[in-house]
Protein backbone atom coordinates (compact mmCIF):
# COMPACT_ATOMS: atom_id res chain seq x y z
CA MET A 1 -17.31 -68.95 -6.93
CA PRO A 2 -18.74 -72.07 -7.61
CA GLU A 3 -17.54 -74.18 -10.83
CA ASN A 4 -20.98 -74.45 -12.60
CA VAL A 5 -21.47 -70.25 -12.83
CA GLN A 6 -17.18 -69.55 -14.00
CA GLY A 7 -16.86 -68.70 -17.62
CA THR A 8 -19.40 -68.43 -20.38
CA GLY A 9 -23.08 -68.69 -20.22
CA ALA A 10 -22.33 -72.04 -22.35
CA ARG A 11 -20.55 -73.76 -18.70
CA LEU A 12 -24.05 -72.62 -16.73
CA ARG A 13 -26.24 -75.34 -16.25
CA GLU A 14 -28.68 -73.95 -13.86
CA ILE A 15 -28.83 -71.25 -10.97
CA GLY A 16 -29.38 -72.44 -7.22
CA ILE A 17 -31.43 -70.22 -5.08
CA GLY A 18 -30.96 -70.22 -1.18
CA ILE A 19 -33.59 -68.37 0.86
CA VAL A 20 -33.04 -67.19 4.52
CA GLY A 21 -36.60 -66.35 6.23
CA CYS A 22 -39.49 -68.31 4.94
CA GLY A 23 -42.05 -65.59 6.06
CA THR A 24 -44.64 -63.87 4.68
CA VAL A 25 -42.18 -62.57 1.82
CA GLY A 26 -40.13 -65.55 1.69
CA THR A 27 -43.19 -67.62 0.97
CA GLY A 28 -44.22 -65.18 -1.38
CA THR A 29 -40.74 -65.09 -3.28
CA ALA A 30 -40.50 -69.31 -2.68
CA LYS A 31 -44.06 -69.09 -4.82
CA LEU A 32 -42.95 -67.05 -7.40
CA LEU A 33 -40.23 -68.99 -8.33
CA LEU A 34 -41.75 -72.06 -8.36
CA GLU A 35 -44.89 -70.79 -10.18
CA ASN A 36 -43.13 -68.78 -12.73
CA ALA A 37 -40.28 -70.94 -12.80
CA GLU A 38 -40.62 -71.74 -16.72
CA LEU A 39 -40.89 -67.87 -17.43
CA ILE A 40 -37.53 -67.14 -15.38
CA ARG A 41 -36.13 -69.93 -17.20
CA ARG A 42 -37.15 -67.98 -20.72
CA ARG A 43 -35.99 -64.48 -19.44
CA ILE A 44 -32.39 -65.86 -17.70
CA GLY A 45 -31.62 -68.42 -20.16
CA VAL A 46 -31.22 -71.01 -17.53
CA PRO A 47 -33.41 -72.66 -15.14
CA VAL A 48 -33.31 -71.46 -11.49
CA ARG A 49 -33.40 -74.33 -8.76
CA LEU A 50 -34.51 -73.38 -5.16
CA VAL A 51 -32.22 -75.97 -3.48
CA ARG A 52 -32.58 -74.99 0.74
CA ILE A 53 -34.47 -72.74 2.49
CA ALA A 54 -33.21 -71.67 6.42
CA ASP A 55 -36.21 -70.68 8.72
CA ILE A 56 -36.84 -70.76 12.81
CA ASP A 57 -40.08 -72.91 12.04
CA ILE A 58 -39.54 -75.59 9.39
CA VAL A 59 -42.91 -77.51 10.33
CA ARG A 60 -45.51 -74.94 9.39
CA ASP A 61 -47.84 -75.57 5.85
CA ARG A 62 -46.61 -72.50 3.79
CA GLY A 63 -48.34 -74.17 0.79
CA LEU A 64 -45.66 -75.04 -1.07
CA ASN A 65 -44.99 -78.05 -3.14
CA LEU A 66 -41.22 -79.03 -1.82
CA PRO A 67 -39.67 -81.71 -0.02
CA ALA A 68 -39.35 -81.41 3.68
CA ASP A 69 -35.71 -82.06 3.27
CA ILE A 70 -35.20 -78.63 1.69
CA PHE A 71 -35.83 -76.84 4.68
CA THR A 72 -33.44 -76.57 7.77
CA THR A 73 -33.11 -74.15 10.89
CA ASP A 74 -29.76 -73.67 10.09
CA ALA A 75 -28.87 -70.67 7.94
CA MET A 76 -25.53 -71.08 8.08
CA THR A 77 -25.76 -74.84 5.78
CA VAL A 78 -27.54 -72.37 3.50
CA VAL A 79 -25.21 -69.81 2.43
CA ARG A 80 -22.12 -71.95 2.88
CA ASP A 81 -23.99 -74.68 0.23
CA PRO A 82 -21.81 -75.12 -2.96
CA ALA A 83 -25.00 -76.20 -5.01
CA ILE A 84 -26.06 -72.18 -4.20
CA GLN A 85 -25.48 -69.78 -6.16
CA ILE A 86 -27.52 -66.70 -4.68
CA VAL A 87 -28.47 -66.03 -1.46
CA VAL A 88 -32.39 -64.50 -0.85
CA GLU A 89 -32.02 -62.83 2.84
CA LEU A 90 -35.51 -62.14 3.89
CA ILE A 91 -35.08 -62.24 7.87
CA GLY A 92 -35.14 -58.56 8.12
CA GLY A 93 -33.24 -56.46 11.15
CA THR A 94 -29.50 -55.70 11.77
CA GLY A 95 -28.47 -58.76 13.49
CA ILE A 96 -28.37 -62.16 12.24
CA ALA A 97 -29.48 -60.60 9.08
CA LYS A 98 -26.29 -59.32 8.57
CA ASP A 99 -23.74 -62.40 9.90
CA VAL A 100 -26.05 -64.21 7.35
CA ILE A 101 -24.89 -61.83 4.40
CA LEU A 102 -21.58 -61.21 4.88
CA GLU A 103 -21.29 -64.84 5.05
CA ALA A 104 -22.64 -65.25 1.84
CA ILE A 105 -20.46 -63.06 0.31
CA ARG A 106 -17.04 -64.43 1.54
CA ASN A 107 -18.55 -68.07 0.03
CA GLY A 108 -18.33 -66.37 -3.18
CA LYS A 109 -22.19 -66.43 -3.21
CA SER A 110 -24.51 -62.92 -4.83
CA VAL A 111 -26.94 -61.86 -2.25
CA VAL A 112 -30.47 -60.56 -3.20
CA THR A 113 -32.39 -58.67 0.39
CA ALA A 114 -35.26 -56.74 0.97
CA ASN A 115 -33.77 -55.65 4.16
CA LYS A 116 -33.85 -51.61 4.31
CA ALA A 117 -32.68 -51.16 8.01
CA LEU A 118 -29.84 -52.98 7.48
CA LEU A 119 -28.88 -50.82 4.29
CA ALA A 120 -29.35 -47.36 5.62
CA GLN A 121 -26.97 -48.45 8.98
CA HIS A 122 -24.64 -50.64 7.13
CA GLY A 123 -24.37 -50.41 3.37
CA PRO A 124 -21.44 -49.05 2.34
CA GLU A 125 -20.20 -52.17 4.51
CA VAL A 126 -21.97 -54.42 3.01
CA CYS A 127 -21.23 -53.00 -0.50
CA SER A 128 -17.55 -53.03 -0.32
CA ALA A 129 -17.75 -56.74 0.91
CA ALA A 130 -19.50 -57.70 -1.76
CA SER A 131 -17.24 -55.59 -4.73
CA ASP A 132 -13.90 -57.39 -2.97
CA ALA A 133 -15.53 -60.69 -3.46
CA GLY A 134 -16.68 -60.14 -6.80
CA VAL A 135 -20.37 -60.86 -6.83
CA ASP A 136 -23.70 -59.11 -6.69
CA LEU A 137 -26.26 -57.52 -4.73
CA GLY A 138 -29.48 -56.83 -5.16
CA PHE A 139 -32.39 -54.83 -2.90
CA GLU A 140 -34.72 -53.93 -5.33
CA ALA A 141 -37.51 -55.15 -2.87
CA SER A 142 -36.00 -52.87 0.10
CA VAL A 143 -37.88 -49.60 -0.94
CA GLY A 144 -41.30 -49.39 -2.08
CA GLY A 145 -42.26 -53.34 -2.55
CA GLY A 146 -43.01 -54.11 -5.79
CA ILE A 147 -42.35 -50.35 -7.48
CA PRO A 148 -39.45 -50.46 -9.25
CA ILE A 149 -37.83 -47.48 -8.19
CA ILE A 150 -34.22 -48.85 -7.31
CA ARG A 151 -33.63 -50.11 -10.41
CA ALA A 152 -34.98 -46.87 -11.93
CA MET A 153 -32.69 -44.57 -10.13
CA ARG A 154 -29.67 -46.80 -10.79
CA GLU A 155 -30.64 -46.72 -14.13
CA GLY A 156 -33.39 -44.81 -15.30
CA LEU A 157 -32.58 -41.50 -14.45
CA ALA A 158 -28.87 -42.08 -14.07
CA GLY A 159 -28.06 -39.19 -16.74
CA ASN A 160 -30.07 -36.69 -14.08
CA HIS A 161 -29.29 -34.61 -10.89
CA ILE A 162 -31.76 -35.55 -8.82
CA GLN A 163 -33.30 -32.23 -7.51
CA GLY A 164 -35.87 -33.68 -4.82
CA LEU A 165 -37.58 -36.74 -3.71
CA PHE A 166 -41.09 -36.91 -2.10
CA GLY A 167 -42.29 -40.27 -1.42
CA ILE A 168 -45.02 -42.26 0.34
CA ILE A 169 -43.15 -44.94 1.46
CA ASN A 170 -44.59 -46.62 4.58
CA GLY A 171 -48.02 -48.20 3.67
CA THR A 172 -49.13 -48.42 7.31
CA CYS A 173 -48.98 -44.92 7.70
CA ASN A 174 -50.81 -43.85 4.38
CA TYR A 175 -53.46 -46.40 5.34
CA ILE A 176 -54.23 -44.94 8.78
CA LEU A 177 -54.04 -41.12 7.42
CA THR A 178 -56.60 -42.38 4.14
CA ARG A 179 -59.18 -43.56 6.54
CA MET A 180 -58.77 -40.83 8.79
CA SER A 181 -59.65 -38.32 5.87
CA ASP A 182 -62.01 -40.74 4.44
CA GLU A 183 -64.10 -41.61 7.38
CA GLY A 184 -63.33 -38.59 9.73
CA LYS A 185 -61.73 -41.26 12.67
CA GLU A 186 -59.09 -40.48 15.20
CA PHE A 187 -55.62 -41.98 14.98
CA ALA A 188 -56.16 -44.64 17.54
CA ASP A 189 -59.24 -46.45 16.33
CA VAL A 190 -57.73 -47.07 12.44
CA LEU A 191 -54.52 -47.83 13.98
CA ALA A 192 -56.59 -50.47 16.10
CA ASP A 193 -58.66 -51.67 12.52
CA ALA A 194 -54.91 -51.72 11.03
CA GLN A 195 -53.55 -54.30 13.72
CA LYS A 196 -56.83 -56.61 12.94
CA ILE A 197 -56.05 -56.48 9.90
CA GLY A 198 -52.50 -57.43 10.36
CA LEU A 199 -51.50 -54.26 8.14
CA ALA A 200 -49.53 -52.92 11.71
CA GLU A 201 -47.66 -54.52 13.73
CA ALA A 202 -48.52 -55.72 17.59
CA ASP A 203 -45.85 -52.55 18.25
CA PRO A 204 -46.70 -49.99 15.25
CA SER A 205 -43.46 -47.54 16.56
CA PHE A 206 -41.06 -48.27 13.78
CA ASP A 207 -44.04 -47.42 10.99
CA ILE A 208 -45.76 -44.87 12.82
CA ASP A 209 -42.51 -43.15 14.27
CA GLY A 210 -41.46 -42.77 11.13
CA ILE A 211 -38.21 -44.62 11.33
CA ASP A 212 -39.09 -47.26 8.29
CA SER A 213 -39.56 -44.29 6.37
CA ALA A 214 -36.49 -42.98 7.40
CA HIS A 215 -34.27 -45.90 6.34
CA LYS A 216 -36.03 -46.12 3.21
CA LEU A 217 -34.90 -42.53 2.44
CA ALA A 218 -31.79 -42.99 3.25
CA ILE A 219 -31.08 -45.62 0.77
CA LEU A 220 -32.92 -43.30 -2.05
CA VAL A 221 -30.38 -40.65 -1.15
CA TRP A 222 -27.98 -43.14 -1.59
CA LEU A 223 -28.93 -43.95 -5.39
CA ALA A 224 -29.72 -40.11 -6.07
CA THR A 225 -26.15 -38.96 -5.02
CA GLY A 226 -23.86 -41.75 -4.34
CA CYS A 227 -23.36 -40.57 -1.15
CA THR A 228 -24.45 -42.01 2.87
CA VAL A 229 -26.50 -40.37 4.77
CA PRO A 230 -25.87 -41.01 8.60
CA LEU A 231 -29.54 -42.07 9.86
CA LYS A 232 -28.98 -40.23 13.22
CA GLU A 233 -29.16 -36.79 10.65
CA ILE A 234 -32.39 -37.52 9.11
CA TYR A 235 -34.69 -35.43 10.78
CA VAL A 236 -38.24 -37.85 11.74
CA GLU A 237 -41.40 -37.01 12.98
CA GLY A 238 -44.19 -40.04 13.08
CA ILE A 239 -48.11 -39.49 12.69
CA ARG A 240 -48.94 -40.21 16.20
CA ASP A 241 -50.53 -36.50 16.84
CA ILE A 242 -52.28 -36.36 13.86
CA SER A 243 -56.42 -35.99 14.50
CA ALA A 244 -59.04 -36.00 12.85
CA VAL A 245 -59.32 -31.88 13.53
CA ASP A 246 -56.05 -31.93 11.55
CA ILE A 247 -57.62 -34.00 8.97
CA ALA A 248 -61.06 -31.90 9.07
CA PHE A 249 -58.92 -28.52 8.53
CA ALA A 250 -56.70 -29.75 5.43
CA LYS A 251 -59.81 -30.72 3.65
CA GLU A 252 -61.59 -27.55 4.36
CA PHE A 253 -58.76 -25.45 2.93
CA GLY A 254 -57.73 -27.75 -0.05
CA TYR A 255 -54.60 -30.48 1.45
CA THR A 256 -54.43 -33.53 2.32
CA ILE A 257 -51.73 -35.24 5.07
CA LYS A 258 -49.37 -37.49 4.48
CA LEU A 259 -46.26 -38.84 5.70
CA LEU A 260 -43.61 -38.25 3.44
CA ALA A 261 -40.03 -38.55 3.03
CA ILE A 262 -38.41 -35.41 1.74
CA ALA A 263 -34.79 -34.64 -0.03
CA LYS A 264 -34.45 -31.85 -1.50
CA GLU A 265 -31.24 -30.07 -3.18
CA LYS A 266 -30.55 -26.84 -1.28
CA GLY A 267 -27.47 -24.67 -1.85
CA GLY A 268 -24.49 -26.82 -1.05
CA GLY A 269 -26.59 -29.09 0.63
CA VAL A 270 -29.21 -31.58 0.71
CA GLU A 271 -32.43 -31.50 2.95
CA VAL A 272 -33.53 -34.45 4.25
CA ARG A 273 -36.58 -35.38 6.68
CA VAL A 274 -39.22 -37.29 7.45
CA HIS A 275 -43.19 -35.67 8.63
CA PRO A 276 -46.74 -35.25 8.16
CA THR A 277 -47.17 -33.11 5.85
CA MET A 278 -49.79 -30.76 4.20
CA ILE A 279 -50.10 -30.90 -0.08
CA PRO A 280 -52.78 -29.79 -2.02
CA SER A 281 -55.31 -32.29 -2.63
CA HIS A 282 -54.87 -31.81 -6.56
CA TYR A 283 -51.63 -33.06 -6.49
CA LEU A 284 -51.22 -36.54 -7.78
CA LEU A 285 -49.42 -37.57 -4.60
CA ALA A 286 -51.84 -36.81 -2.46
CA THR A 287 -54.09 -38.92 -4.40
CA VAL A 288 -52.70 -42.61 -3.39
CA GLY A 289 -54.68 -44.24 -1.02
CA GLY A 290 -55.13 -47.05 1.14
CA ALA A 291 -51.56 -49.20 1.80
CA ASN A 292 -50.35 -47.96 -1.36
CA ASN A 293 -46.16 -46.84 -2.15
CA ALA A 294 -45.53 -43.41 -4.28
CA ILE A 295 -42.38 -41.79 -5.09
CA TYR A 296 -42.01 -37.92 -6.97
CA VAL A 297 -38.84 -37.56 -8.25
CA LYS A 298 -37.41 -34.72 -10.06
CA GLY A 299 -34.81 -34.55 -12.58
CA ASP A 300 -32.96 -31.85 -13.95
CA PHE A 301 -33.57 -33.26 -17.59
CA VAL A 302 -36.20 -35.32 -17.19
CA GLY A 303 -38.61 -33.31 -14.85
CA SER A 304 -41.06 -34.79 -12.41
CA SER A 305 -41.66 -38.72 -12.49
CA MET A 306 -43.69 -40.63 -9.74
CA PHE A 307 -43.66 -43.85 -9.52
CA TYR A 308 -46.49 -45.54 -7.84
CA GLY A 309 -48.07 -49.01 -6.57
CA GLN A 310 -48.25 -51.67 -3.62
CA GLY A 311 -45.86 -50.89 -0.76
CA ALA A 312 -45.48 -54.18 0.66
CA GLY A 313 -46.95 -57.52 0.97
CA MET A 314 -45.84 -61.21 -0.40
CA LEU A 315 -46.52 -61.13 -3.71
CA PRO A 316 -45.48 -57.29 -4.62
CA THR A 317 -42.05 -58.04 -2.61
CA ALA A 318 -41.46 -61.20 -3.89
CA SER A 319 -42.28 -59.76 -7.48
CA ALA A 320 -39.10 -56.88 -6.59
CA VAL A 321 -36.81 -60.19 -4.93
CA ALA A 322 -37.54 -62.22 -8.21
CA SER A 323 -36.78 -59.57 -10.33
CA ASP A 324 -32.90 -59.19 -8.51
CA VAL A 325 -32.86 -62.93 -9.00
CA ILE A 326 -32.94 -62.43 -12.44
CA ASP A 327 -31.07 -59.76 -13.29
CA ILE A 328 -28.20 -61.23 -11.42
CA GLY A 329 -28.68 -64.35 -13.35
CA ARG A 330 -28.40 -62.73 -16.23
CA ASN A 331 -24.87 -61.30 -15.79
CA MET A 332 -23.88 -65.04 -14.36
CA CYS A 333 -25.00 -66.14 -17.67
CA ASN A 334 -22.80 -63.28 -19.41
CA GLY A 335 -19.94 -64.23 -17.12
CA THR A 336 -20.06 -60.54 -15.18
CA VAL A 337 -20.50 -59.27 -12.33
CA GLY A 338 -20.88 -56.14 -10.68
CA ARG A 339 -22.12 -54.50 -14.48
CA ILE A 340 -24.09 -51.29 -12.12
CA PRO A 341 -22.59 -50.83 -8.76
CA PRO A 342 -24.76 -51.11 -5.81
CA SER A 343 -25.04 -47.20 -5.77
CA GLY A 344 -25.20 -47.11 -9.33
CA PHE A 345 -22.06 -44.90 -9.34
CA ARG A 346 -18.44 -46.08 -9.78
CA GLN A 347 -16.69 -42.81 -8.35
CA ILE A 348 -17.60 -41.79 -4.90
CA GLU A 349 -16.87 -38.18 -3.56
CA PRO A 350 -14.08 -38.18 -1.29
CA ALA A 351 -16.29 -37.53 1.80
CA GLY A 352 -18.59 -40.55 0.76
CA VAL A 353 -20.70 -38.89 3.02
CA ILE A 354 -23.51 -36.49 1.59
CA ALA A 355 -23.18 -32.75 3.17
CA LEU A 356 -26.91 -31.86 5.03
CA SER A 357 -28.38 -29.05 5.11
CA PRO A 358 -29.54 -28.41 8.87
CA PHE A 359 -33.09 -29.09 9.66
CA SER A 360 -33.02 -25.68 11.45
CA GLU A 361 -32.75 -23.56 8.29
CA VAL A 362 -35.48 -26.10 6.45
CA LYS A 363 -38.31 -22.91 4.83
CA THR A 364 -41.66 -24.10 4.75
CA GLU A 365 -45.26 -22.57 5.05
CA TYR A 366 -46.88 -24.18 8.10
CA TYR A 367 -50.08 -25.28 9.43
CA LEU A 368 -50.20 -24.40 13.59
CA ARG A 369 -53.63 -25.34 15.88
CA PHE A 370 -53.72 -23.42 19.14
CA HIS A 371 -55.98 -24.76 22.43
CA VAL A 372 -56.82 -21.70 24.18
CA VAL A 373 -58.63 -19.62 26.69
CA ASP A 374 -61.32 -18.00 24.73
CA LYS A 375 -60.78 -14.00 25.60
CA PRO A 376 -60.00 -11.10 24.11
CA GLY A 377 -56.78 -10.58 23.01
CA VAL A 378 -55.19 -14.36 22.29
CA LEU A 379 -55.30 -14.09 18.52
CA SER A 380 -53.24 -10.84 18.62
CA LYS A 381 -51.06 -12.21 21.05
CA ILE A 382 -50.35 -15.21 19.29
CA ALA A 383 -49.65 -12.64 15.97
CA GLY A 384 -47.48 -10.66 17.92
CA ILE A 385 -45.00 -13.45 19.55
CA LEU A 386 -44.64 -14.93 15.58
CA GLY A 387 -44.27 -11.69 14.13
CA ASP A 388 -41.36 -11.11 16.48
CA HIS A 389 -39.56 -14.21 14.99
CA GLY A 390 -40.27 -13.20 11.77
CA ILE A 391 -43.30 -15.08 10.52
CA SER A 392 -45.99 -13.55 8.91
CA ILE A 393 -49.86 -14.91 8.64
CA SER A 394 -51.49 -16.06 5.40
CA THR A 395 -54.73 -17.10 6.87
CA VAL A 396 -56.68 -17.35 10.14
CA LEU A 397 -59.43 -19.27 11.15
CA GLN A 398 -61.19 -19.51 14.89
CA LYS A 399 -63.99 -21.86 15.31
CA GLY A 400 -66.48 -21.84 18.30
CA ARG A 401 -66.20 -23.18 21.61
CA GLN A 402 -65.98 -27.17 21.44
CA GLU A 403 -65.69 -26.85 25.73
CA GLU A 404 -66.28 -24.39 27.76
CA ASN A 405 -64.14 -21.39 28.10
CA ALA A 406 -61.86 -23.26 24.81
CA VAL A 407 -61.31 -22.15 21.49
CA PRO A 408 -59.44 -23.60 18.80
CA ILE A 409 -57.61 -21.53 16.13
CA PHE A 410 -55.87 -22.65 13.31
CA ILE A 411 -53.33 -20.42 11.13
CA VAL A 412 -51.38 -21.10 7.80
CA THR A 413 -48.47 -19.04 7.54
CA HIS A 414 -45.76 -17.83 4.87
CA HIS A 415 -42.77 -19.62 4.20
CA ALA A 416 -40.69 -19.26 7.43
CA LYS A 417 -37.57 -21.00 8.86
CA GLU A 418 -38.00 -23.91 11.45
CA SER A 419 -35.69 -22.48 14.05
CA ASP A 420 -37.45 -19.34 14.10
CA MET A 421 -41.24 -21.31 14.18
CA ARG A 422 -39.50 -23.73 17.22
CA ALA A 423 -38.40 -20.26 18.93
CA SER A 424 -41.70 -18.95 18.22
CA LEU A 425 -43.85 -21.95 19.91
CA ASP A 426 -41.73 -22.65 22.68
CA GLU A 427 -42.58 -18.99 24.22
CA ILE A 428 -45.90 -19.00 22.61
CA ASP A 429 -47.07 -22.84 24.51
CA LYS A 430 -45.60 -21.28 27.67
CA LEU A 431 -48.62 -18.43 27.63
CA GLN A 432 -50.80 -19.37 30.21
CA PHE A 433 -54.26 -18.97 28.11
CA VAL A 434 -52.72 -21.85 26.18
CA LEU A 435 -53.85 -25.25 27.42
CA ASP A 436 -52.05 -27.47 25.25
CA ARG A 437 -48.81 -27.94 23.46
CA THR A 438 -49.37 -26.26 19.74
CA ARG A 439 -49.66 -28.42 17.29
CA MET A 440 -47.66 -27.92 13.85
CA ILE A 441 -47.38 -29.53 10.16
CA ARG A 442 -45.64 -28.58 7.76
CA ILE A 443 -46.84 -27.37 4.03
CA GLU A 444 -45.17 -28.34 0.70
CA ASN A 445 -47.07 -26.31 -2.36
CA ASN A 446 -44.28 -26.62 -4.66
CA LEU A 447 -43.42 -29.89 -5.28
């Protein structure tokens, strides 16, 4: 550990910060550290100083009042600089970012990262390296942007068995679904609008296919249980197939469609899944609009809590990064490290991997939309197949013709098992009078 951070706070004169990756969030972080430097000094007890910034582009004007020689294209000069005690990794991804973090740790630096993909895939390795090196690891910005959900899970809710998590944790998807609901537009049109304003990437797959949400859910389950979740074991379904017709049906029957990341206790295991979900429109979670995020948490003693705010963006994410810098800085002033383990657990179950309930055993209610030939007996045939698989019907709605000889049929079921529903739809979709693949959306009525 560098000399000026050893021992007591009396010997600590300042804390040097290095940022690796100065895109949107990196720029916001540098801006916050500069503009709120006095506030941060008062909170920690010593000043923080931005020593070095590494990025592939060191020419672009970021609006930061910094000397040109602070910038470098060589990330490793940052992580090896003896004047730096905290490295802030904001590159993203699991390639060079992992190398940067591990090299920083090997050089005795504490690390702050917003890298949910890296933590979801390599969290135990990174945490073990930090523990062995006697440095801190902060990742508040990895889930929920400016929402302090990581700190809440590790500290505020630490005395609770977490019984359920329901999260709107991808702002791009929530923006798209909100616009579709408010304006009756189709998915492709709203996605194009989101891309024009920079809210969706040119290749939006990571967001709209649910991958980003799965990474964040893996982190939340790790914080709730102390055990890791293999990403390949999380059922993931995105929002590409949601249509204006589905949105309209949901509204007509008092539901709102959200992309939810869900983790629930079930027997001796945990259900872990990401998919579009219909929830009652009067639920607080259903009212979360635009690009905002919200995480609804159920604890055995605290009951239900909801954490809401901006889930992405330069300034909210920078706020979360700064909170970790301050937390680690306080530890340094007190001559401590690892006051709270990254997962929030000192002792982990021997296996270290959570027992997951098979997705095929999940039980929910279902919304089904069939596109069928308009002739007698179709509905009774569909209902018969559902009944053969033990699935009972709660509501049926048949609309008038939208095209020649074809009609939509909408069905809401009572609780059914996922494997039974899939078996029934495999059979139904092979029928000659079914014109397209059946659209299925799961319903959660008891958050």
